[in-house]
């Protein structure tokens, strides 16, 4: 399917690994010039080099910590004309309310919740001034089927779902679209490492981690590429009438009552 994205520009946060990396590669494959940001300069350089060698489009790297609002200002200045913003940076830890202290909770929300809000605030203003642009927020299905064992993430993702829907519901007046994606479990390096640890604890064999996926829909986790393809579609003009919407990609978990 031709998405018509060639010649456009995007900024992807958390682009060094996992879903963010996959989204950056998918957009580049569609002919989008990409700016990449994450904390690790070495990992960003690796993704940038892969994009340039595979797809021949321009790619720039900005090694920054988005929990610091000063980093947002740097990106807003350096990437002021982008057509697409993908907010993806941040991972919120699992744990019950008595297991996550205030410092850990605030650190997680500074990067993901307030990071998304601050990035959106800066780039929405730039897009509004031009009368066009798309913001894609990568959230998480824990915000739909809330879980006391993932309370920090459930609350954070639920807040960002409401943020996405509220802003996207009125953004058409400014020529901007704001959409979200709620991934379920995705077989990123982080998830695989967690599964390997659990398999080691349960079976004494970390290489048996795939056995833990059997209760999942289709007996597997999602892939980063599946999330990336949806992000590219939502960012394209094929979704030109889509805003204020959150698309869930979790094999039906949020509606089926099971979460990791």
C-alpha atoms as a PDB file:
ATOM      1  CA  UNK A   1       0.000   0.000   0.000  1.00  0.00           C
ATOM      2  CA  UNK A   2       1.390   3.390  -0.990  1.00  0.00           C
ATOM      3  CA  UNK A   3       1.089   5.711   2.007  1.00  0.00           C
ATOM      4  CA  UNK A   4       2.170   8.884   0.233  1.00  0.00           C
ATOM      5  CA  UNK A   5       4.640   9.840   2.945  1.00  0.00           C
ATOM      6  CA  UNK A   6       7.698  10.289   0.718  1.00  0.00           C
ATOM      7  CA  UNK A   7       9.317  13.675   1.186  1.00  0.00           C
ATOM      8  CA  UNK A   8       7.865  14.319   4.626  1.00  0.00           C
ATOM      9  CA  UNK A   9       9.826  14.614   7.844  1.00  0.00           C
ATOM     10  CA  UNK A  10       9.388  13.057  11.277  1.00  0.00           C
ATOM     11  CA  UNK A  11      10.846  13.074  14.773  1.00  0.00           C
ATOM     12  CA  UNK A  12      10.750   9.788  16.697  1.00  0.00           C
ATOM     13  CA  UNK A  13      11.528   9.738  20.406  1.00  0.00           C
ATOM     14  CA  UNK A  14      12.902   6.643  22.107  1.00  0.00           C
ATOM     15  CA  UNK A  15      14.211   5.696  18.668  1.00  0.00           C
ATOM     16  CA  UNK A  16      17.298   3.746  19.686  1.00  0.00           C
ATOM     17  CA  UNK A  17      15.586   0.395  20.352  1.00  0.00           C
ATOM     18  CA  UNK A  18      12.360  -1.567  20.203  1.00  0.00           C
ATOM     19  CA  UNK A  19       9.193   0.071  18.960  1.00  0.00           C
ATOM     20  CA  UNK A  20      10.790   3.476  18.396  1.00  0.00           C
ATOM     21  CA  UNK A  21      13.549   2.013  16.249  1.00  0.00           C
ATOM     22  CA  UNK A  22      11.001   0.015  14.231  1.00  0.00           C
ATOM     23  CA  UNK A  23       8.863   3.116  13.645  1.00  0.00           C
ATOM     24  CA  UNK A  24      11.881   5.142  12.513  1.00  0.00           C
ATOM     25  CA  UNK A  25      12.864   2.397  10.060  1.00  0.00           C
ATOM     26  CA  UNK A  26       9.321   2.016   8.726  1.00  0.00           C
ATOM     27  CA  UNK A  27       8.947   5.754   8.133  1.00  0.00           C
ATOM     28  CA  UNK A  28      12.336   5.852   6.435  1.00  0.00           C
ATOM     29  CA  UNK A  29      11.275   2.946   4.227  1.00  0.00           C
ATOM     30  CA  UNK A  30       8.320   5.093   3.151  1.00  0.00           C
ATOM     31  CA  UNK A  31      10.728   7.886   2.166  1.00  0.00           C
ATOM     32  CA  UNK A  32      10.391  10.046   5.291  1.00  0.00           C
ATOM     33  CA  UNK A  33      13.446  11.938   6.527  1.00  0.00           C
ATOM     34  CA  UNK A  34      13.800  11.211  10.223  1.00  0.00           C
ATOM     35  CA  UNK A  35      15.199  12.801  13.345  1.00  0.00           C
ATOM     36  CA  UNK A  36      15.952  10.350  16.127  1.00  0.00           C
ATOM     37  CA  UNK A  37      16.228  10.995  19.827  1.00  0.00           C
ATOM     38  CA  UNK A  38      17.024   8.833  22.848  1.00  0.00           C
ATOM     39  CA  UNK A  39      19.532   8.867  25.667  1.00  0.00           C
ATOM     40  CA  UNK A  40      22.164   6.621  24.050  1.00  0.00           C
ATOM     41  CA  UNK A  41      24.276   8.316  21.384  1.00  0.00           C
ATOM     42  CA  UNK A  42      25.871   5.037  20.291  1.00  0.00           C
ATOM     43  CA  UNK A  43      22.521   3.288  19.782  1.00  0.00           C
ATOM     44  CA  UNK A  44      21.138   6.284  17.890  1.00  0.00           C
ATOM     45  CA  UNK A  45      24.153   6.318  15.591  1.00  0.00           C
ATOM     46  CA  UNK A  46      23.557   2.647  14.832  1.00  0.00           C
ATOM     47  CA  UNK A  47      19.923   3.287  13.858  1.00  0.00           C
ATOM     48  CA  UNK A  48      20.855   6.372  11.839  1.00  0.00           C
ATOM     49  CA  UNK A  49      23.503   4.462   9.893  1.00  0.00           C
ATOM     50  CA  UNK A  50      21.050   1.633   9.201  1.00  0.00           C
ATOM     51  CA  UNK A  51      18.464   4.078   7.877  1.00  0.00           C
ATOM     52  CA  UNK A  52      20.915   5.851   5.588  1.00  0.00           C
ATOM     53  CA  UNK A  53      22.416   2.636   4.215  1.00  0.00           C
ATOM     54  CA  UNK A  54      19.079   0.848   3.697  1.00  0.00           C
ATOM     55  CA  UNK A  55      16.817   3.638   2.507  1.00  0.00           C
ATOM     56  CA  UNK A  56      19.057   6.527   1.466  1.00  0.00           C
ATOM     57  CA  UNK A  57      17.065   9.174   3.326  1.00  0.00           C
ATOM     58  CA  UNK A  58      18.418  11.815   5.656  1.00  0.00           C
ATOM     59  CA  UNK A  59      18.565  10.881   9.331  1.00  0.00           C
ATOM     60  CA  UNK A  60      19.742  13.003  12.248  1.00  0.00           C
ATOM     61  CA  UNK A  61      20.449  11.928  15.807  1.00  0.00           C
ATOM     62  CA  UNK A  62      19.809  13.933  18.971  1.00  0.00           C
ATOM     63  CA  UNK A  63      21.084  12.148  22.109  1.00  0.00           C
ATOM     64  CA  UNK A  64      18.939  13.755  24.806  1.00  0.00           C
ATOM     65  CA  UNK A  65      17.065  12.984  28.016  1.00  0.00           C
ATOM     66  CA  UNK A  66      13.446  13.989  27.483  1.00  0.00           C
ATOM     67  CA  UNK A  67      12.668  13.988  31.192  1.00  0.00           C
ATOM     68  CA  UNK A  68      14.505  17.336  31.137  1.00  0.00           C
ATOM     69  CA  UNK A  69      12.319  20.046  29.587  1.00  0.00           C
ATOM     70  CA  UNK A  70      15.464  21.764  28.279  1.00  0.00           C
ATOM     71  CA  UNK A  71      15.865  18.845  25.878  1.00  0.00           C
ATOM     72  CA  UNK A  72      12.396  19.540  24.490  1.00  0.00           C
ATOM     73  CA  UNK A  73      13.468  23.088  23.670  1.00  0.00           C
ATOM     74  CA  UNK A  74      16.547  21.777  21.853  1.00  0.00           C
ATOM     75  CA  UNK A  75      14.405  19.510  19.685  1.00  0.00           C
ATOM     76  CA  UNK A  76      11.780  22.169  19.017  1.00  0.00           C
ATOM     77  CA  UNK A  77      14.544  24.433  17.729  1.00  0.00           C
ATOM     78  CA  UNK A  78      16.382  21.772  15.726  1.00  0.00           C
ATOM     79  CA  UNK A  79      13.316  20.034  14.274  1.00  0.00           C
ATOM     80  CA  UNK A  80      10.869  22.932  14.029  1.00  0.00           C
ATOM     81  CA  UNK A  81       9.521  22.029  10.563  1.00  0.00           C
ATOM     82  CA  UNK A  82       8.724  18.327  11.028  1.00  0.00           C
ATOM     83  CA  UNK A  83       5.443  16.979   9.673  1.00  0.00           C
ATOM     84  CA  UNK A  84       5.146  14.037  12.093  1.00  0.00           C
ATOM     85  CA  UNK A  85       5.973  13.679  15.781  1.00  0.00           C
ATOM     86  CA  UNK A  86       6.052  10.196  17.292  1.00  0.00           C
ATOM     87  CA  UNK A  87       6.161  10.232  21.096  1.00  0.00           C
ATOM     88  CA  UNK A  88       7.555   6.894  22.208  1.00  0.00           C
ATOM     89  CA  UNK A  89      10.258   7.480  24.838  1.00  0.00           C
ATOM     90  CA  UNK A  90       9.800   5.997  28.271  1.00  0.00           C
ATOM     91  CA  UNK A  91       9.110   2.755  30.094  1.00  0.00           C
ATOM     92  CA  UNK A  92       7.130   2.663  33.335  1.00  0.00           C
ATOM     93  CA  UNK A  93       8.060  -0.038  35.875  1.00  0.00           C
ATOM     94  CA  UNK A  94       5.719  -2.710  37.149  1.00  0.00           C
ATOM     95  CA  UNK A  95       4.867  -2.871  40.850  1.00  0.00           C
ATOM     96  CA  UNK A  96       2.107  -2.282  43.358  1.00  0.00           C
ATOM     97  CA  UNK A  97       1.628   1.045  45.107  1.00  0.00           C
ATOM     98  CA  UNK A  98       3.727  -0.047  48.098  1.00  0.00           C
ATOM     99  CA  UNK A  99       6.551  -1.189  45.812  1.00  0.00           C
ATOM    100  CA  UNK A 100       7.143   2.040  43.846  1.00  0.00           C
ATOM    101  CA  UNK A 101       8.311   4.979  45.915  1.00  0.00           C
ATOM    102  CA  UNK A 102       7.724   8.615  45.025  1.00  0.00           C
ATOM    103  CA  UNK A 103      11.140   9.148  43.428  1.00  0.00           C
ATOM    104  CA  UNK A 104      10.774   6.175  41.095  1.00  0.00           C
ATOM    105  CA  UNK A 105       7.189   7.145  40.237  1.00  0.00           C
ATOM    106  CA  UNK A 106       8.175  10.747  39.436  1.00  0.00           C
ATOM    107  CA  UNK A 107      11.187   9.683  37.363  1.00  0.00           C
ATOM    108  CA  UNK A 108       9.002   7.396  35.243  1.00  0.00           C
ATOM    109  CA  UNK A 109       6.334  10.042  34.710  1.00  0.00           C
ATOM    110  CA  UNK A 110       8.847  12.816  34.024  1.00  0.00           C
ATOM    111  CA  UNK A 111      10.076  10.853  31.021  1.00  0.00           C
ATOM    112  CA  UNK A 112       6.885   9.335  29.654  1.00  0.00           C
ATOM    113  CA  UNK A 113       3.877  11.311  30.877  1.00  0.00           C
ATOM    114  CA  UNK A 114       5.332  14.801  31.169  1.00  0.00           C
ATOM    115  CA  UNK A 115       7.790  14.060  28.373  1.00  0.00           C
ATOM    116  CA  UNK A 116       4.880  13.380  25.996  1.00  0.00           C
ATOM    117  CA  UNK A 117       2.959  16.407  27.248  1.00  0.00           C
ATOM    118  CA  UNK A 118       5.916  18.772  26.931  1.00  0.00           C
ATOM    119  CA  UNK A 119       6.874  17.478  23.487  1.00  0.00           C
ATOM    120  CA  UNK A 120       3.291  17.780  22.302  1.00  0.00           C
ATOM    121  CA  UNK A 121       2.973  21.275  23.744  1.00  0.00           C
ATOM    122  CA  UNK A 122       6.075  22.453  21.865  1.00  0.00           C
ATOM    123  CA  UNK A 123       5.423  20.764  18.522  1.00  0.00           C
ATOM    124  CA  UNK A 124       1.662  21.296  18.477  1.00  0.00           C
ATOM    125  CA  UNK A 125       2.304  25.041  18.584  1.00  0.00           C
ATOM    126  CA  UNK A 126       4.699  24.763  15.617  1.00  0.00           C
ATOM    127  CA  UNK A 127       2.256  22.607  13.643  1.00  0.00           C
ATOM    128  CA  UNK A 128      -0.657  24.899  14.454  1.00  0.00           C
ATOM    129  CA  UNK A 129       1.296  27.869  13.092  1.00  0.00           C
ATOM    130  CA  UNK A 130       1.733  26.006   9.779  1.00  0.00           C
ATOM    131  CA  UNK A 131      -1.802  24.592   9.793  1.00  0.00           C
ATOM    132  CA  UNK A 132      -0.704  20.971   9.431  1.00  0.00           C
ATOM    133  CA  UNK A 133       0.958  18.093  11.250  1.00  0.00           C
ATOM    134  CA  UNK A 134       0.391  14.733  12.921  1.00  0.00           C
ATOM    135  CA  UNK A 135       1.268  13.620  16.448  1.00  0.00           C
ATOM    136  CA  UNK A 136       1.307   9.884  17.183  1.00  0.00           C
ATOM    137  CA  UNK A 137       1.520   8.873  20.851  1.00  0.00           C
ATOM    138  CA  UNK A 138       2.678   5.338  21.658  1.00  0.00           C
ATOM    139  CA  UNK A 139       0.910   4.510  24.926  1.00  0.00           C
ATOM    140  CA  UNK A 140       0.090   1.072  26.355  1.00  0.00           C
ATOM    141  CA  UNK A 141      -2.911  -1.196  26.889  1.00  0.00           C
ATOM    142  CA  UNK A 142      -2.359  -1.050  30.657  1.00  0.00           C
ATOM    143  CA  UNK A 143      -4.249   2.229  30.509  1.00  0.00           C
ATOM    144  CA  UNK A 144      -7.367   0.392  29.320  1.00  0.00           C
ATOM    145  CA  UNK A 145      -7.458  -2.672  31.548  1.00  0.00           C
ATOM    146  CA  UNK A 146      -5.998  -1.220  34.723  1.00  0.00           C
ATOM    147  CA  UNK A 147      -3.847  -3.428  36.920  1.00  0.00           C
ATOM    148  CA  UNK A 148      -2.876  -2.859  40.559  1.00  0.00           C
ATOM    149  CA  UNK A 149       0.373  -4.683  39.839  1.00  0.00           C
ATOM    150  CA  UNK A 150       1.212  -2.074  37.206  1.00  0.00           C
ATOM    151  CA  UNK A 151      -0.364   0.891  38.937  1.00  0.00           C
ATOM    152  CA  UNK A 152       2.192   3.506  37.909  1.00  0.00           C
ATOM    153  CA  UNK A 153       1.923   2.470  34.254  1.00  0.00           C
ATOM    154  CA  UNK A 154      -1.845   2.012  34.277  1.00  0.00           C
ATOM    155  CA  UNK A 155      -2.357   5.507  35.696  1.00  0.00           C
ATOM    156  CA  UNK A 156       0.224   7.069  33.392  1.00  0.00           C
ATOM    157  CA  UNK A 157      -1.078   5.457  30.214  1.00  0.00           C
ATOM    158  CA  UNK A 158      -4.694   6.203  31.146  1.00  0.00           C
ATOM    159  CA  UNK A 159      -3.744   9.854  31.596  1.00  0.00           C
ATOM    160  CA  UNK A 160      -2.024   9.931  28.202  1.00  0.00           C
ATOM    161  CA  UNK A 161      -5.017   8.251  26.567  1.00  0.00           C
ATOM    162  CA  UNK A 162      -7.254  11.019  27.907  1.00  0.00           C
ATOM    163  CA  UNK A 163      -4.681  13.624  26.850  1.00  0.00           C
ATOM    164  CA  UNK A 164      -4.566  12.221  23.310  1.00  0.00           C
ATOM    165  CA  UNK A 165      -8.332  12.031  22.945  1.00  0.00           C
ATOM    166  CA  UNK A 166      -8.973  15.465  24.437  1.00  0.00           C
ATOM    167  CA  UNK A 167      -6.400  17.240  22.286  1.00  0.00           C
ATOM    168  CA  UNK A 168      -7.156  15.225  19.169  1.00  0.00           C
ATOM    169  CA  UNK A 169     -10.864  15.885  19.517  1.00  0.00           C
ATOM    170  CA  UNK A 170     -10.321  19.605  18.899  1.00  0.00           C
ATOM    171  CA  UNK A 171      -7.051  19.646  16.936  1.00  0.00           C
ATOM    172  CA  UNK A 172      -8.781  19.524  13.546  1.00  0.00           C
ATOM    173  CA  UNK A 173      -9.546  23.221  14.044  1.00  0.00           C
ATOM    174  CA  UNK A 174      -5.807  23.856  13.794  1.00  0.00           C
ATOM    175  CA  UNK A 175      -5.186  21.483  10.884  1.00  0.00           C
ATOM    176  CA  UNK A 176      -3.414  19.012  13.194  1.00  0.00           C
ATOM    177  CA  UNK A 177      -4.222  15.382  13.972  1.00  0.00           C
ATOM    178  CA  UNK A 178      -3.405  13.726  17.318  1.00  0.00           C
ATOM    179  CA  UNK A 179      -3.723   9.954  17.589  1.00  0.00           C
ATOM    180  CA  UNK A 180      -2.474   7.161  19.836  1.00  0.00           C
ATOM    181  CA  UNK A 181      -1.542   3.496  19.771  1.00  0.00           C
ATOM    182  CA  UNK A 182      -1.930   1.161  22.746  1.00  0.00           C
ATOM    183  CA  UNK A 183       0.452  -1.771  22.269  1.00  0.00           C
ATOM    184  CA  UNK A 184       0.043  -4.840  24.394  1.00  0.00           C
ATOM    185  CA  UNK A 185       3.094  -6.996  25.121  1.00  0.00           C
ATOM    186  CA  UNK A 186       5.605  -6.562  22.305  1.00  0.00           C
ATOM    187  CA  UNK A 187       8.666  -8.761  21.853  1.00  0.00           C
ATOM    188  CA  UNK A 188      11.207  -6.012  22.401  1.00  0.00           C
ATOM    189  CA  UNK A 189      14.602  -6.639  23.995  1.00  0.00           C
ATOM    190  CA  UNK A 190      13.136  -5.470  27.309  1.00  0.00           C
ATOM    191  CA  UNK A 191      10.203  -7.897  27.234  1.00  0.00           C
ATOM    192  CA  UNK A 192      12.383 -10.810  26.165  1.00  0.00           C
ATOM    193  CA  UNK A 193      14.807 -10.080  29.021  1.00  0.00           C
ATOM    194  CA  UNK A 194      11.908 -10.036  31.512  1.00  0.00           C
ATOM    195  CA  UNK A 195      10.551 -13.286  30.109  1.00  0.00           C
ATOM    196  CA  UNK A 196      13.979 -14.910  30.243  1.00  0.00           C
ATOM    197  CA  UNK A 197      14.307 -13.933  33.897  1.00  0.00           C
ATOM    198  CA  UNK A 198      10.883 -15.355  34.691  1.00  0.00           C
ATOM    199  CA  UNK A 199      11.661 -18.549  32.769  1.00  0.00           C
ATOM    200  CA  UNK A 200      14.879 -18.910  34.700  1.00  0.00           C
ATOM    201  CA  UNK A 201      13.016 -18.421  37.992  1.00  0.00           C
ATOM    202  CA  UNK A 202      10.281 -20.864  37.016  1.00  0.00           C
ATOM    203  CA  UNK A 203      12.101 -23.505  34.977  1.00  0.00           C
ATOM    204  CA  UNK A 204      15.762 -22.856  35.697  1.00  0.00           C
ATOM    205  CA  UNK A 205      16.206 -22.298  31.949  1.00  0.00           C
ATOM    206  CA  UNK A 206      16.004 -18.779  30.453  1.00  0.00           C
ATOM    207  CA  UNK A 207      15.879 -20.172  26.911  1.00  0.00           C
ATOM    208  CA  UNK A 208      12.408 -21.581  27.677  1.00  0.00           C
ATOM    209  CA  UNK A 209      10.901 -18.062  27.793  1.00  0.00           C
ATOM    210  CA  UNK A 210       8.713 -18.661  24.727  1.00  0.00           C
ATOM    211  CA  UNK A 211       6.740 -21.215  26.731  1.00  0.00           C
ATOM    212  CA  UNK A 212       5.463 -18.333  28.851  1.00  0.00           C
ATOM    213  CA  UNK A 213       3.788 -16.858  25.764  1.00  0.00           C
ATOM    214  CA  UNK A 214       1.406 -19.779  25.252  1.00  0.00           C
ATOM    215  CA  UNK A 215      -1.471 -18.127  27.196  1.00  0.00           C
ATOM    216  CA  UNK A 216      -1.106 -14.982  25.049  1.00  0.00           C
ATOM    217  CA  UNK A 217      -3.383 -14.384  22.045  1.00  0.00           C
ATOM    218  CA  UNK A 218      -2.028 -16.364  19.073  1.00  0.00           C
ATOM    219  CA  UNK A 219       0.514 -17.806  21.545  1.00  0.00           C
ATOM    220  CA  UNK A 220       2.909 -14.938  20.996  1.00  0.00           C
ATOM    221  CA  UNK A 221       3.667 -11.324  21.795  1.00  0.00           C
ATOM    222  CA  UNK A 222       3.218  -8.605  19.211  1.00  0.00           C
ATOM    223  CA  UNK A 223       6.116  -7.377  17.110  1.00  0.00           C
ATOM    224  CA  UNK A 224       7.631  -3.929  16.936  1.00  0.00           C
ATOM    225  CA  UNK A 225       7.013  -3.976  13.187  1.00  0.00           C
ATOM    226  CA  UNK A 226       3.257  -4.431  13.699  1.00  0.00           C
ATOM    227  CA  UNK A 227       3.177  -1.293  15.835  1.00  0.00           C
ATOM    228  CA  UNK A 228       5.393   0.556  13.367  1.00  0.00           C
ATOM    229  CA  UNK A 229       3.133  -0.193  10.401  1.00  0.00           C
ATOM    230  CA  UNK A 230       0.117   1.173  12.263  1.00  0.00           C
ATOM    231  CA  UNK A 231       2.058   4.300  13.247  1.00  0.00           C
ATOM    232  CA  UNK A 232       2.984   4.920   9.605  1.00  0.00           C
ATOM    233  CA  UNK A 233      -0.610   4.398   8.467  1.00  0.00           C
ATOM    234  CA  UNK A 234      -1.982   6.771  11.111  1.00  0.00           C
ATOM    235  CA  UNK A 235       0.625   9.377  10.165  1.00  0.00           C
ATOM    236  CA  UNK A 236      -0.328   9.199   6.492  1.00  0.00           C
ATOM    237  CA  UNK A 237      -3.091  10.930   4.557  1.00  0.00           C
ATOM    238  CA  UNK A 238      -4.865   7.583   4.289  1.00  0.00           C
ATOM    239  CA  UNK A 239      -5.881   8.368   7.891  1.00  0.00           C
ATOM    240  CA  UNK A 240      -6.643  12.013   7.188  1.00  0.00           C
ATOM    241  CA  UNK A 241     -10.022  11.832   8.956  1.00  0.00           C
ATOM    242  CA  UNK A 242      -8.617  10.119  12.047  1.00  0.00           C
ATOM    243  CA  UNK A 243      -7.900  12.197  15.152  1.00  0.00           C
ATOM    244  CA  UNK A 244      -8.625  11.907  18.860  1.00  0.00           C
ATOM    245  CA  UNK A 245      -8.487   8.127  18.495  1.00  0.00           C
ATOM    246  CA  UNK A 246      -6.425   5.475  20.296  1.00  0.00           C
ATOM    247  CA  UNK A 247      -5.888   2.198  18.403  1.00  0.00           C
ATOM    248  CA  UNK A 248      -5.211  -0.868  20.537  1.00  0.00           C
ATOM    249  CA  UNK A 249      -2.894  -3.591  19.192  1.00  0.00           C
ATOM    250  CA  UNK A 250      -2.802  -6.341  21.802  1.00  0.00           C
ATOM    251  CA  UNK A 251      -4.473  -9.418  20.298  1.00  0.00           C
ATOM    252  CA  UNK A 252      -7.657  -8.570  22.221  1.00  0.00           C
ATOM    253  CA  UNK A 253      -6.071  -8.665  25.676  1.00  0.00           C
ATOM    254  CA  UNK A 254      -7.608  -5.446  26.975  1.00  0.00           C
ATOM    255  CA  UNK A 255     -11.066  -6.714  26.070  1.00  0.00           C
ATOM    256  CA  UNK A 256     -10.405 -10.319  27.052  1.00  0.00           C
ATOM    257  CA  UNK A 257      -9.456  -9.557  30.625  1.00  0.00           C
ATOM    258  CA  UNK A 258      -5.846 -10.766  30.558  1.00  0.00           C
ATOM    259  CA  UNK A 259      -2.733  -8.642  30.870  1.00  0.00           C
ATOM    260  CA  UNK A 260       0.921  -9.400  31.449  1.00  0.00           C
END
